[in-house]
PDB file of all heavy atoms in Angstrom:
ATOM      1  N   GLY A   1      47.843   3.186 -11.693  1.00  0.00           N
ATOM      2  CA  GLY A   1      47.244   4.460 -11.085  1.00  0.00           C
ATOM      3  C   GLY A   1      46.169   4.038 -10.133  1.00  0.00           C
ATOM      4  O   GLY A   1      45.357   3.052 -10.406  1.00  0.00           O
ATOM      5  N   MET A   2      46.042   4.640  -8.968  1.00  0.00           N
ATOM      6  CA  MET A   2      45.023   4.294  -7.963  1.00  0.00           C
ATOM      7  C   MET A   2      43.591   4.491  -8.625  1.00  0.00           C
ATOM      8  O   MET A   2      42.707   3.735  -8.196  1.00  0.00           O
ATOM      9  CB  MET A   2      45.106   5.173  -6.724  1.00  0.00           C
ATOM     10  CG  MET A   2      44.401   4.649  -5.558  1.00  0.00           C
ATOM     11  SD  MET A   2      45.121   2.989  -5.017  1.00  0.00           S
ATOM     12  CE  MET A   2      43.551   2.239  -4.349  1.00  0.00           C
ATOM     13  N   ALA A   3      43.479   5.512  -9.491  1.00  0.00           N
ATOM     14  CA  ALA A   3      42.120   5.658  -9.937  1.00  0.00           C
ATOM     15  C   ALA A   3      41.607   4.567 -10.808  1.00  0.00           C
ATOM     16  O   ALA A   3      40.434   4.102 -10.753  1.00  0.00           O
ATOM     17  CB  ALA A   3      42.083   7.020 -10.809  1.00  0.00           C
ATOM     18  N   GLU A   4      42.590   4.016 -11.619  1.00  0.00           N
ATOM     19  CA  GLU A   4      42.200   2.855 -12.340  1.00  0.00           C
ATOM     20  C   GLU A   4      41.903   1.596 -11.538  1.00  0.00           C
ATOM     21  O   GLU A   4      41.025   0.992 -11.780  1.00  0.00           O
ATOM     22  CB  GLU A   4      43.375   2.461 -13.320  1.00  0.00           C
ATOM     23  CG  GLU A   4      43.119   1.161 -14.087  1.00  0.00           C
ATOM     24  CD  GLU A   4      44.369   0.665 -14.899  1.00  0.00           C
ATOM     25  OE1 GLU A   4      45.421   1.261 -14.732  1.00  0.00           O
ATOM     26  OE2 GLU A   4      44.266  -0.361 -15.543  1.00  0.00           O
ATOM     27  N   LEU A   5      42.720   1.385 -10.468  1.00  0.00           N
ATOM     28  CA  LEU A   5      42.374   0.166  -9.698  1.00  0.00           C
ATOM     29  C   LEU A   5      41.064   0.358  -8.955  1.00  0.00           C
ATOM     30  O   LEU A   5      40.454  -0.510  -8.737  1.00  0.00           O
ATOM     31  CB  LEU A   5      43.566   0.054  -8.576  1.00  0.00           C
ATOM     32  CG  LEU A   5      43.443  -1.068  -7.554  1.00  0.00           C
ATOM     33  CD1 LEU A   5      43.288  -2.458  -8.347  1.00  0.00           C
ATOM     34  CD2 LEU A   5      44.544  -1.078  -6.585  1.00  0.00           C
ATOM     35  N   LEU A   6      40.748   1.581  -8.577  1.00  0.00           N
ATOM     36  CA  LEU A   6      39.412   1.893  -7.831  1.00  0.00           C
ATOM     37  C   LEU A   6      38.344   1.568  -8.761  1.00  0.00           C
ATOM     38  O   LEU A   6      37.230   0.995  -8.448  1.00  0.00           O
ATOM     39  CB  LEU A   6      39.368   3.263  -7.218  1.00  0.00           C
ATOM     40  CG  LEU A   6      40.368   3.515  -6.009  1.00  0.00           C
ATOM     41  CD1 LEU A   6      40.390   4.882  -5.739  1.00  0.00           C
ATOM     42  CD2 LEU A   6      39.835   2.637  -4.797  1.00  0.00           C
ATOM     43  N   ALA A   7      38.516   1.984 -10.019  1.00  0.00           N
ATOM     44  CA  ALA A   7      37.371   1.852 -11.048  1.00  0.00           C
ATOM     45  C   ALA A   7      37.254   0.366 -11.292  1.00  0.00           C
ATOM     46  O   ALA A   7      36.090  -0.106 -11.429  1.00  0.00           O
ATOM     47  CB  ALA A   7      37.755   2.568 -12.278  1.00  0.00           C
ATOM     48  N   ARG A   8      38.289  -0.290 -11.337  1.00  0.00           N
ATOM     49  CA  ARG A   8      38.267  -1.830 -11.662  1.00  0.00           C
ATOM     50  C   ARG A   8      37.662  -2.567 -10.322  1.00  0.00           C
ATOM     51  O   ARG A   8      36.939  -3.547 -10.462  1.00  0.00           O
ATOM     52  CB  ARG A   8      39.646  -2.334 -12.025  1.00  0.00           C
ATOM     53  CG  ARG A   8      40.152  -1.918 -13.228  1.00  0.00           C
ATOM     54  CD  ARG A   8      41.512  -2.490 -13.615  1.00  0.00           C
ATOM     55  NE  ARG A   8      42.073  -2.080 -14.799  1.00  0.00           N
ATOM     56  CZ  ARG A   8      41.824  -2.754 -15.880  1.00  0.00           C
ATOM     57  NH1 ARG A   8      41.148  -3.871 -16.008  1.00  0.00           N
ATOM     58  NH2 ARG A   8      42.314  -2.328 -17.151  1.00  0.00           N
ATOM     59  N   SER A   9      37.931  -1.980  -9.174  1.00  0.00           N
ATOM     60  CA  SER A   9      37.440  -2.555  -7.948  1.00  0.00           C
ATOM     61  C   SER A   9      35.730  -2.394  -7.916  1.00  0.00           C
ATOM     62  O   SER A   9      35.134  -3.418  -7.577  1.00  0.00           O
ATOM     63  CB  SER A   9      38.068  -1.929  -6.763  1.00  0.00           C
ATOM     64  OG  SER A   9      39.448  -2.225  -6.731  1.00  0.00           O
ATOM     65  N   ASP A  10      35.295  -1.202  -8.210  1.00  0.00           N
ATOM     66  CA  ASP A  10      34.058  -1.018  -8.321  1.00  0.00           C
ATOM     67  C   ASP A  10      33.224  -1.860  -9.334  1.00  0.00           C
ATOM     68  O   ASP A  10      32.177  -2.388  -9.013  1.00  0.00           O
ATOM     69  CB  ASP A  10      33.608   0.563  -8.555  1.00  0.00           C
ATOM     70  CG  ASP A  10      33.946   1.454  -7.455  1.00  0.00           C
ATOM     71  OD1 ASP A  10      34.147   0.881  -6.318  1.00  0.00           O
ATOM     72  OD2 ASP A  10      34.136   2.543  -7.519  1.00  0.00           O
ATOM     73  N   ALA A  11      33.929  -2.043 -10.419  1.00  0.00           N
ATOM     74  CA  ALA A  11      33.315  -2.813 -11.567  1.00  0.00           C
ATOM     75  C   ALA A  11      33.273  -4.345 -11.144  1.00  0.00           C
ATOM     76  O   ALA A  11      32.249  -5.019 -11.384  1.00  0.00           O
ATOM     77  CB  ALA A  11      34.136  -2.692 -12.708  1.00  0.00           C
ATOM     78  N   ALA A  12      34.285  -4.743 -10.391  1.00  0.00           N
ATOM     79  CA  ALA A  12      34.291  -6.150  -9.878  1.00  0.00           C
ATOM     80  C   ALA A  12      33.235  -6.423  -8.924  1.00  0.00           C
ATOM     81  O   ALA A  12      32.551  -7.499  -8.985  1.00  0.00           O
ATOM     82  CB  ALA A  12      35.647  -6.520  -9.319  1.00  0.00           C
ATOM     83  N   LEU A  13      33.008  -5.475  -8.037  1.00  0.00           N
ATOM     84  CA  LEU A  13      31.951  -5.538  -7.003  1.00  0.00           C
ATOM     85  C   LEU A  13      30.633  -5.498  -7.732  1.00  0.00           C
ATOM     86  O   LEU A  13      29.647  -6.371  -7.362  1.00  0.00           O
ATOM     87  CB  LEU A  13      32.070  -4.440  -6.085  1.00  0.00           C
ATOM     88  CG  LEU A  13      33.245  -4.621  -5.000  1.00  0.00           C
ATOM     89  CD1 LEU A  13      33.422  -3.308  -4.255  1.00  0.00           C
ATOM     90  CD2 LEU A  13      32.985  -5.829  -4.042  1.00  0.00           C
ATOM     91  N   ARG A  14      30.405  -4.699  -8.708  1.00  0.00           N
ATOM     92  CA  ARG A  14      29.138  -4.642  -9.327  1.00  0.00           C
ATOM     93  C   ARG A  14      28.782  -5.944 -10.041  1.00  0.00           C
ATOM     94  O   ARG A  14      27.726  -6.426  -9.948  1.00  0.00           O
ATOM     95  CB  ARG A  14      29.060  -3.493 -10.426  1.00  0.00           C
ATOM     96  CG  ARG A  14      28.894  -2.136  -9.758  1.00  0.00           C
ATOM     97  CD  ARG A  14      28.479  -1.142 -10.795  1.00  0.00           C
ATOM     98  NE  ARG A  14      29.483  -1.086 -11.846  1.00  0.00           N
ATOM     99  CZ  ARG A  14      30.469  -0.214 -11.817  1.00  0.00           C
ATOM    100  NH1 ARG A  14      30.630   0.559 -10.683  1.00  0.00           N
ATOM    101  NH2 ARG A  14      31.400  -0.080 -12.750  1.00  0.00           N
ATOM    102  N   ARG A  15      29.794  -6.555 -10.796  1.00  0.00           N
ATOM    103  CA  ARG A  15      29.619  -7.925 -11.425  1.00  0.00           C
ATOM    104  C   ARG A  15      29.358  -8.942 -10.461  1.00  0.00           C
ATOM    105  O   ARG A  15      28.503  -9.808 -10.713  1.00  0.00           O
ATOM    106  CB  ARG A  15      30.895  -8.180 -12.219  1.00  0.00           C
ATOM    107  CG  ARG A  15      31.084  -7.393 -13.460  1.00  0.00           C
ATOM    108  CD  ARG A  15      32.201  -7.949 -14.398  1.00  0.00           C
ATOM    109  NE  ARG A  15      33.519  -8.186 -13.691  1.00  0.00           N
ATOM    110  CZ  ARG A  15      34.391  -7.272 -13.745  1.00  0.00           C
ATOM    111  NH1 ARG A  15      34.182  -6.061 -14.430  1.00  0.00           N
ATOM    112  NH2 ARG A  15      35.557  -7.497 -13.182  1.00  0.00           N
ATOM    113  N   TYR A  16      29.986  -8.961  -9.393  1.00  0.00           N
ATOM    114  CA  TYR A  16      29.938  -9.963  -8.316  1.00  0.00           C
ATOM    115  C   TYR A  16      28.458  -9.867  -7.725  1.00  0.00           C
ATOM    116  O   TYR A  16      27.677 -10.945  -7.706  1.00  0.00           O
ATOM    117  CB  TYR A  16      30.901  -9.799  -7.130  1.00  0.00           C
ATOM    118  CG  TYR A  16      30.630 -10.663  -5.965  1.00  0.00           C
ATOM    119  CD1 TYR A  16      30.675 -12.095  -6.084  1.00  0.00           C
ATOM    120  CD2 TYR A  16      30.293 -10.100  -4.742  1.00  0.00           C
ATOM    121  CE1 TYR A  16      30.493 -12.946  -5.094  1.00  0.00           C
ATOM    122  CE2 TYR A  16      30.146 -10.996  -3.691  1.00  0.00           C
ATOM    123  CZ  TYR A  16      30.254 -12.362  -3.840  1.00  0.00           C
ATOM    124  OH  TYR A  16      30.008 -13.128  -2.687  1.00  0.00           O
ATOM    125  N   PHE A  17      28.025  -8.748  -7.286  1.00  0.00           N
ATOM    126  CA  PHE A  17      26.700  -8.695  -6.736  1.00  0.00           C
ATOM    127  C   PHE A  17      25.546  -8.921  -7.740  1.00  0.00           C
ATOM    128  O   PHE A  17      24.613  -9.508  -7.421  1.00  0.00           O
ATOM    129  CB  PHE A  17      26.457  -7.290  -6.034  1.00  0.00           C
ATOM    130  CG  PHE A  17      27.336  -7.113  -4.788  1.00  0.00           C
ATOM    131  CD1 PHE A  17      28.151  -6.082  -4.561  1.00  0.00           C
ATOM    132  CD2 PHE A  17      27.328  -8.128  -3.838  1.00  0.00           C
ATOM    133  CE1 PHE A  17      28.897  -5.928  -3.426  1.00  0.00           C
ATOM    134  CE2 PHE A  17      28.047  -7.988  -2.666  1.00  0.00           C
ATOM    135  CZ  PHE A  17      28.902  -6.854  -2.494  1.00  0.00           C
ATOM    136  N   LYS A  18      25.777  -8.434  -8.960  1.00  0.00           N
ATOM    137  CA  LYS A  18      24.704  -8.758 -10.011  1.00  0.00           C
ATOM    138  C   LYS A  18      24.716 -10.215 -10.283  1.00  0.00           C
ATOM    139  O   LYS A  18      23.624 -10.766 -10.493  1.00  0.00           O
ATOM    140  CB  LYS A  18      25.148  -8.020 -11.276  1.00  0.00           C
ATOM    141  CG  LYS A  18      24.111  -8.188 -12.417  1.00  0.00           C
ATOM    142  CD  LYS A  18      24.320  -7.291 -13.583  1.00  0.00           C
ATOM    143  CE  LYS A  18      23.220  -7.540 -14.686  1.00  0.00           C
ATOM    144  NZ  LYS A  18      23.611  -6.577 -15.821  1.00  0.00           N
ATOM    145  N   SER A  19      25.918 -10.833 -10.296  1.00  0.00           N
ATOM    146  CA  SER A  19      25.967 -12.329 -10.526  1.00  0.00           C
ATOM    147  C   SER A  19      25.164 -13.045  -9.336  1.00  0.00           C
ATOM    148  O   SER A  19      24.477 -14.042  -9.459  1.00  0.00           O
ATOM    149  CB  SER A  19      27.297 -12.818 -10.513  1.00  0.00           C
ATOM    150  OG  SER A  19      27.443 -14.206 -10.599  1.00  0.00           O
ATOM    151  N   ALA A  20      25.318 -12.526  -8.115  1.00  0.00           N
ATOM    152  CA  ALA A  20      24.675 -13.261  -6.932  1.00  0.00           C
ATOM    153  C   ALA A  20      23.184 -12.923  -6.862  1.00  0.00           C
ATOM    154  O   ALA A  20      22.592 -13.782  -6.439  1.00  0.00           O
ATOM    155  CB  ALA A  20      25.410 -12.729  -5.671  1.00  0.00           C
ATOM    156  N   THR A  21      22.765 -11.848  -7.301  1.00  0.00           N
ATOM    157  CA  THR A  21      21.329 -11.527  -7.198  1.00  0.00           C
ATOM    158  C   THR A  21      20.686 -11.088  -8.439  1.00  0.00           C
ATOM    159  O   THR A  21      19.476 -10.912  -8.312  1.00  0.00           O
ATOM    160  CB  THR A  21      21.376 -10.242  -6.125  1.00  0.00           C
ATOM    161  OG1 THR A  21      21.808  -9.186  -6.814  1.00  0.00           O
ATOM    162  CG2 THR A  21      22.035 -10.621  -4.878  1.00  0.00           C
ATOM    163  N   GLU A  22      21.341 -11.051  -9.541  1.00  0.00           N
ATOM    164  CA  GLU A  22      20.787 -10.573 -10.744  1.00  0.00           C
ATOM    165  C   GLU A  22      20.567  -9.070 -10.736  1.00  0.00           C
ATOM    166  O   GLU A  22      20.199  -8.489 -11.907  1.00  0.00           O
ATOM    167  CB  GLU A  22      19.539 -11.289 -11.179  1.00  0.00           C
ATOM    168  CG  GLU A  22      19.672 -12.819 -11.380  1.00  0.00           C
ATOM    169  CD  GLU A  22      20.708 -13.088 -12.479  1.00  0.00           C
ATOM    170  OE1 GLU A  22      20.657 -12.335 -13.539  1.00  0.00           O
ATOM    171  OE2 GLU A  22      21.391 -14.080 -12.376  1.00  0.00           O
ATOM    172  N   ASN A  23      20.862  -8.400  -9.637  1.00  0.00           N
ATOM    173  CA  ASN A  23      20.686  -7.064  -9.611  1.00  0.00           C
ATOM    174  C   ASN A  23      21.343  -6.477  -8.439  1.00  0.00           C
ATOM    175  O   ASN A  23      21.190  -7.026  -7.278  1.00  0.00           O
ATOM    176  CB  ASN A  23      19.255  -6.596  -9.516  1.00  0.00           C
ATOM    177  CG  ASN A  23      18.921  -5.202  -9.658  1.00  0.00           C
ATOM    178  OD1 ASN A  23      19.778  -4.319  -9.283  1.00  0.00           O
ATOM    179  ND2 ASN A  23      17.825  -4.683 -10.208  1.00  0.00           N
ATOM    180  N   PRO A  24      22.311  -5.515  -8.521  1.00  0.00           N
ATOM    181  CA  PRO A  24      23.064  -5.143  -7.257  1.00  0.00           C
ATOM    182  C   PRO A  24      22.206  -4.357  -6.368  1.00  0.00           C
ATOM    183  O   PRO A  24      22.580  -4.092  -5.223  1.00  0.00           O
ATOM    184  CB  PRO A  24      24.125  -4.198  -7.928  1.00  0.00           C
ATOM    185  CG  PRO A  24      23.578  -3.747  -9.219  1.00  0.00           C
ATOM    186  CD  PRO A  24      22.793  -4.945  -9.741  1.00  0.00           C
ATOM    187  N   VAL A  25      21.035  -3.887  -6.671  1.00  0.00           N
ATOM    188  CA  VAL A  25      19.995  -3.238  -5.846  1.00  0.00           C
ATOM    189  C   VAL A  25      18.778  -4.280  -5.657  1.00  0.00           C
ATOM    190  O   VAL A  25      18.070  -4.676  -6.487  1.00  0.00           O
ATOM    191  CB  VAL A  25      19.472  -2.015  -6.485  1.00  0.00           C
ATOM    192  CG1 VAL A  25      18.503  -1.388  -5.447  1.00  0.00           C
ATOM    193  CG2 VAL A  25      20.662  -1.049  -6.628  1.00  0.00           C
ATOM    194  N   VAL A  26      18.670  -4.734  -4.343  1.00  0.00           N
ATOM    195  CA  VAL A  26      17.544  -5.623  -4.080  1.00  0.00           C
ATOM    196  C   VAL A  26      16.380  -4.767  -3.507  1.00  0.00           C
ATOM    197  O   VAL A  26      16.613  -4.135  -2.452  1.00  0.00           O
ATOM    198  CB  VAL A  26      18.078  -6.718  -2.944  1.00  0.00           C
ATOM    199  CG1 VAL A  26      16.917  -7.629  -2.517  1.00  0.00           C
ATOM    200  CG2 VAL A  26      19.216  -7.429  -3.645  1.00  0.00           C
ATOM    201  N   VAL A  27      15.239  -4.890  -4.112  1.00  0.00           N
ATOM    202  CA  VAL A  27      14.231  -4.148  -3.656  1.00  0.00           C
ATOM    203  C   VAL A  27      13.054  -5.170  -3.099  1.00  0.00           C
ATOM    204  O   VAL A  27      12.600  -6.032  -3.864  1.00  0.00           O
ATOM    205  CB  VAL A  27      13.512  -3.331  -4.766  1.00  0.00           C
ATOM    206  CG1 VAL A  27      12.345  -2.564  -4.322  1.00  0.00           C
ATOM    207  CG2 VAL A  27      14.525  -2.286  -5.296  1.00  0.00           C
ATOM    208  N   VAL A  28      12.715  -5.004  -1.860  1.00  0.00           N
ATOM    209  CA  VAL A  28      11.738  -5.875  -1.264  1.00  0.00           C
ATOM    210  C   VAL A  28      10.599  -4.942  -0.657  1.00  0.00           C
ATOM    211  O   VAL A  28      10.842  -4.325   0.366  1.00  0.00           O
ATOM    212  CB  VAL A  28      12.318  -6.721  -0.245  1.00  0.00           C
ATOM    213  CG1 VAL A  28      11.287  -7.679   0.487  1.00  0.00           C
ATOM    214  CG2 VAL A  28      13.577  -7.511  -0.732  1.00  0.00           C
ATOM    215  N   GLY A  29       9.539  -4.830  -1.374  1.00  0.00           N
ATOM    216  CA  GLY A  29       8.441  -3.883  -0.823  1.00  0.00           C
ATOM    217  C   GLY A  29       9.059  -2.453  -0.640  1.00  0.00           C
ATOM    218  O   GLY A  29       9.685  -1.967  -1.652  1.00  0.00           O
ATOM    219  N   PRO A  30       8.924  -1.937   0.466  1.00  0.00           N
ATOM    220  CA  PRO A  30       9.402  -0.481   0.635  1.00  0.00           C
ATOM    221  C   PRO A  30      10.904  -0.498   0.969  1.00  0.00           C
ATOM    222  O   PRO A  30      11.472   0.531   1.235  1.00  0.00           O
ATOM    223  CB  PRO A  30       8.717  -0.047   1.984  1.00  0.00           C
ATOM    224  CG  PRO A  30       8.341  -1.446   2.773  1.00  0.00           C
ATOM    225  CD  PRO A  30       8.165  -2.438   1.577  1.00  0.00           C
ATOM    226  N   LEU A  31      11.576  -1.637   0.934  1.00  0.00           N
ATOM    227  CA  LEU A  31      12.988  -1.794   1.486  1.00  0.00           C
ATOM    228  C   LEU A  31      13.808  -1.881   0.268  1.00  0.00           C
ATOM    229  O   LEU A  31      13.671  -2.733  -0.614  1.00  0.00           O
ATOM    230  CB  LEU A  31      13.182  -2.925   2.361  1.00  0.00           C
ATOM    231  CG  LEU A  31      14.596  -3.255   2.903  1.00  0.00           C
ATOM    232  CD1 LEU A  31      14.929  -1.983   3.924  1.00  0.00           C
ATOM    233  CD2 LEU A  31      14.742  -4.541   3.562  1.00  0.00           C
ATOM    234  N   SER A  32      14.953  -1.123   0.120  1.00  0.00           N
ATOM    235  CA  SER A  32      15.819  -1.154  -0.918  1.00  0.00           C
ATOM    236  C   SER A  32      17.315  -1.311  -0.377  1.00  0.00           C
ATOM    237  O   SER A  32      17.550  -0.531   0.439  1.00  0.00           O
ATOM    238  CB  SER A  32      15.797   0.180  -1.756  1.00  0.00           C
ATOM    239  OG  SER A  32      16.829   0.134  -2.786  1.00  0.00           O
ATOM    240  N   VAL A  33      18.023  -2.396  -0.909  1.00  0.00           N
ATOM    241  CA  VAL A  33      19.368  -2.597  -0.404  1.00  0.00           C
ATOM    242  C   VAL A  33      20.334  -2.487  -1.646  1.00  0.00           C
ATOM    243  O   VAL A  33      20.210  -3.356  -2.493  1.00  0.00           O
ATOM    244  CB  VAL A  33      19.555  -3.957   0.323  1.00  0.00           C
ATOM    245  CG1 VAL A  33      20.899  -4.013   0.761  1.00  0.00           C
ATOM    246  CG2 VAL A  33      18.448  -4.175   1.374  1.00  0.00           C
ATOM    247  N   ASP A  34      21.193  -1.625  -1.684  1.00  0.00           N
ATOM    248  CA  ASP A  34      22.230  -1.415  -2.682  1.00  0.00           C
ATOM    249  C   ASP A  34      23.383  -2.127  -2.302  1.00  0.00           C
ATOM    250  O   ASP A  34      24.243  -1.695  -1.380  1.00  0.00           O
ATOM    251  CB  ASP A  34      22.577   0.072  -2.962  1.00  0.00           C
ATOM    252  CG  ASP A  34      23.375   0.248  -4.219  1.00  0.00           C
ATOM    253  OD1 ASP A  34      24.334  -0.687  -4.489  1.00  0.00           O
ATOM    254  OD2 ASP A  34      23.103   1.130  -5.044  1.00  0.00           O
ATOM    255  N   LEU A  35      23.748  -3.337  -2.875  1.00  0.00           N
ATOM    256  CA  LEU A  35      24.778  -4.117  -2.466  1.00  0.00           C
ATOM    257  C   LEU A  35      26.210  -3.649  -2.677  1.00  0.00           C
ATOM    258  O   LEU A  35      27.179  -4.118  -2.157  1.00  0.00           O
ATOM    259  CB  LEU A  35      24.577  -5.502  -2.918  1.00  0.00           C
ATOM    260  CG  LEU A  35      23.280  -6.176  -2.546  1.00  0.00           C
ATOM    261  CD1 LEU A  35      23.224  -7.612  -3.297  1.00  0.00           C
ATOM    262  CD2 LEU A  35      23.312  -6.543  -1.042  1.00  0.00           C
ATOM    263  N   VAL A  36      26.161  -2.793  -3.678  1.00  0.00           N
ATOM    264  CA  VAL A  36      27.554  -2.106  -4.006  1.00  0.00           C
ATOM    265  C   VAL A  36      27.923  -0.975  -3.104  1.00  0.00           C
ATOM    266  O   VAL A  36      29.056  -0.795  -2.645  1.00  0.00           O
ATOM    267  CB  VAL A  36      27.690  -1.810  -5.501  1.00  0.00           C
ATOM    268  CG1 VAL A  36      28.830  -1.075  -5.843  1.00  0.00           C
ATOM    269  CG2 VAL A  36      27.503  -2.955  -6.438  1.00  0.00           C
ATOM    270  N   SER A  37      26.950  -0.027  -3.118  1.00  0.00           N
ATOM    271  CA  SER A  37      27.216   1.214  -2.284  1.00  0.00           C
ATOM    272  C   SER A  37      26.976   0.916  -0.815  1.00  0.00           C
ATOM    273  O   SER A  37      27.204   1.852  -0.025  1.00  0.00           O
ATOM    274  CB  SER A  37      26.297   2.357  -2.795  1.00  0.00           C
ATOM    275  OG  SER A  37      24.899   2.218  -2.466  1.00  0.00           O
ATOM    276  N   ARG A  38      26.263  -0.183  -0.476  1.00  0.00           N
ATOM    277  CA  ARG A  38      25.993  -0.504   0.860  1.00  0.00           C
ATOM    278  C   ARG A  38      25.046   0.476   1.507  1.00  0.00           C
ATOM    279  O   ARG A  38      25.097   0.869   2.793  1.00  0.00           O
ATOM    280  CB  ARG A  38      27.304  -0.742   1.788  1.00  0.00           C
ATOM    281  CG  ARG A  38      28.121  -1.811   1.243  1.00  0.00           C
ATOM    282  CD  ARG A  38      29.073  -2.316   2.404  1.00  0.00           C
ATOM    283  NE  ARG A  38      29.590  -3.723   2.201  1.00  0.00           N
ATOM    284  CZ  ARG A  38      29.927  -4.438   3.092  1.00  0.00           C
ATOM    285  NH1 ARG A  38      29.977  -4.158   4.346  1.00  0.00           N
ATOM    286  NH2 ARG A  38      30.351  -5.731   2.721  1.00  0.00           N
ATOM    287  N   THR A  39      24.124   1.053   0.739  1.00  0.00           N
ATOM    288  CA  THR A  39      23.018   1.842   1.337  1.00  0.00           C
ATOM    289  C   THR A  39      21.785   1.193   1.357  1.00  0.00           C
ATOM    290  O   THR A  39      21.467   0.204   0.566  1.00  0.00           O
ATOM    291  CB  THR A  39      22.917   3.136   0.320  1.00  0.00           C
ATOM    292  OG1 THR A  39      22.732   2.650  -0.870  1.00  0.00           O
ATOM    293  CG2 THR A  39      24.109   3.906   0.397  1.00  0.00           C
ATOM    294  N   VAL A  40      20.979   1.531   2.431  1.00  0.00           N
ATOM    295  CA  VAL A  40      19.768   0.917   2.708  1.00  0.00           C
ATOM    296  C   VAL A  40      18.651   2.036   2.740  1.00  0.00           C
ATOM    297  O   VAL A  40      18.865   3.002   3.513  1.00  0.00           O
ATOM    298  CB  VAL A  40      19.713   0.058   3.961  1.00  0.00           C
ATOM    299  CG1 VAL A  40      18.415  -0.630   4.212  1.00  0.00           C
ATOM    300  CG2 VAL A  40      20.815  -0.951   3.896  1.00  0.00           C
ATOM    301  N   GLU A  41      17.434   1.928   2.084  1.00  0.00           N
ATOM    302  CA  GLU A  41      16.422   2.827   2.180  1.00  0.00           C
ATOM    303  C   GLU A  41      15.184   2.035   2.471  1.00  0.00           C
ATOM    304  O   GLU A  41      14.959   0.921   2.056  1.00  0.00           O
ATOM    305  CB  GLU A  41      16.391   3.597   0.840  1.00  0.00           C
ATOM    306  CG  GLU A  41      17.484   4.393   0.516  1.00  0.00           C
ATOM    307  CD  GLU A  41      17.355   5.280  -0.887  1.00  0.00           C
ATOM    308  OE1 GLU A  41      16.330   4.934  -1.395  1.00  0.00           O
ATOM    309  OE2 GLU A  41      18.166   6.125  -1.069  1.00  0.00           O
TER     310      GLU A  41
END
């Protein structure tokens, strides 16, 4: 099912980015970068 594959894809990305940075959200002072959702604040 596509829903299962998408869920597994999101999980794989979260594991990958957490492994690379110890946190999928990198916060640097006032800057926040969510490496999974690709949002920047």
